[in-house]
Amino acid sequence: MAISSEFYKDLSKVEKKIWGITVREFKAYVCFVFIGIFLLLEVFFFA
């Protein structure tokens, strides 16, 4: 349940953007890529 508050800012308007995506999304993509690489390395080299 969302709580509406006049003090809560809409983060999508406040967050900095890098190449059209927000910093939070960029961090999520970077983590996803590293996890994917780690899993591929584990499957091919340690299986």
C-alpha atoms as a PDB file:
ATOM      1  CA  MET A   1       0.000   0.000   0.000  1.00  0.00           C
ATOM      2  CA  ALA A   2       1.515   3.276  -1.066  1.00  0.00           C
ATOM      3  CA  ILE A   3       1.557   6.161   1.355  1.00  0.00           C
ATOM      4  CA  SER A   4       1.171   9.509  -0.349  1.00  0.00           C
ATOM      5  CA  SER A   5       3.143  12.279   1.274  1.00  0.00           C
ATOM      6  CA  GLU A   6       3.899  15.807   0.215  1.00  0.00           C
ATOM      7  CA  PHE A   7       7.446  15.372   1.549  1.00  0.00           C
ATOM      8  CA  TYR A   8       8.204  12.282  -0.548  1.00  0.00           C
ATOM      9  CA  LYS A   9       9.820  13.221  -3.838  1.00  0.00           C
ATOM     10  CA  ASP A  10       9.358  11.214  -6.995  1.00  0.00           C
ATOM     11  CA  LEU A  11      12.755   9.529  -7.332  1.00  0.00           C
ATOM     12  CA  SER A  12      12.459   9.165 -11.101  1.00  0.00           C
ATOM     13  CA  LYS A  13      12.651  12.965 -11.416  1.00  0.00           C
ATOM     14  CA  VAL A  14      15.457  13.406  -8.867  1.00  0.00           C
ATOM     15  CA  GLU A  15      17.888  10.601  -9.720  1.00  0.00           C
ATOM     16  CA  LYS A  16      20.894  11.297 -11.903  1.00  0.00           C
ATOM     17  CA  LYS A  17      20.930   9.593 -15.270  1.00  0.00           C
ATOM     18  CA  ILE A  18      23.827   7.942 -17.085  1.00  0.00           C
ATOM     19  CA  TRP A  19      23.231   7.233 -20.789  1.00  0.00           C
ATOM     20  CA  GLY A  20      19.486   7.554 -20.302  1.00  0.00           C
ATOM     21  CA  ILE A  21      19.212   5.157 -17.350  1.00  0.00           C
ATOM     22  CA  THR A  22      19.283   5.966 -13.661  1.00  0.00           C
ATOM     23  CA  VAL A  23      22.271   5.214 -11.455  1.00  0.00           C
ATOM     24  CA  ARG A  24      20.243   2.587  -9.574  1.00  0.00           C
ATOM     25  CA  GLU A  25      19.329   0.807 -12.816  1.00  0.00           C
ATOM     26  CA  PHE A  26      22.971   1.024 -13.961  1.00  0.00           C
ATOM     27  CA  LYS A  27      24.144  -0.640 -10.734  1.00  0.00           C
ATOM     28  CA  ALA A  28      21.539  -3.377 -11.158  1.00  0.00           C
ATOM     29  CA  TYR A  29      22.665  -4.066 -14.741  1.00  0.00           C
ATOM     30  CA  VAL A  30      26.337  -4.152 -13.694  1.00  0.00           C
ATOM     31  CA  CYS A  31      25.579  -6.628 -10.904  1.00  0.00           C
ATOM     32  CA  PHE A  32      23.514  -8.747 -13.289  1.00  0.00           C
ATOM     33  CA  VAL A  33      26.363  -8.838 -15.831  1.00  0.00           C
ATOM     34  CA  PHE A  34      28.949  -9.806 -13.200  1.00  0.00           C
ATOM     35  CA  ILE A  35      26.707 -12.562 -11.840  1.00  0.00           C
ATOM     36  CA  GLY A  36      26.138 -13.851 -15.373  1.00  0.00           C
ATOM     37  CA  ILE A  37      29.874 -13.892 -16.124  1.00  0.00           C
ATOM     38  CA  PHE A  38      30.588 -15.621 -12.807  1.00  0.00           C
ATOM     39  CA  LEU A  39      27.995 -18.314 -13.513  1.00  0.00           C
ATOM     40  CA  LEU A  40      29.325 -18.900 -17.034  1.00  0.00           C
ATOM     41  CA  LEU A  41      32.893 -19.224 -15.755  1.00  0.00           C
ATOM     42  CA  GLU A  42      31.765 -21.616 -13.048  1.00  0.00           C
ATOM     43  CA  VAL A  43      29.868 -23.787 -15.516  1.00  0.00           C
ATOM     44  CA  PHE A  44      32.642 -23.968 -18.114  1.00  0.00           C
ATOM     45  CA  PHE A  45      35.749 -24.180 -15.930  1.00  0.00           C
ATOM     46  CA  PHE A  46      34.659 -25.824 -12.688  1.00  0.00           C
ATOM     47  CA  ALA A  47      31.999 -28.253 -13.880  1.00  0.00           C
END
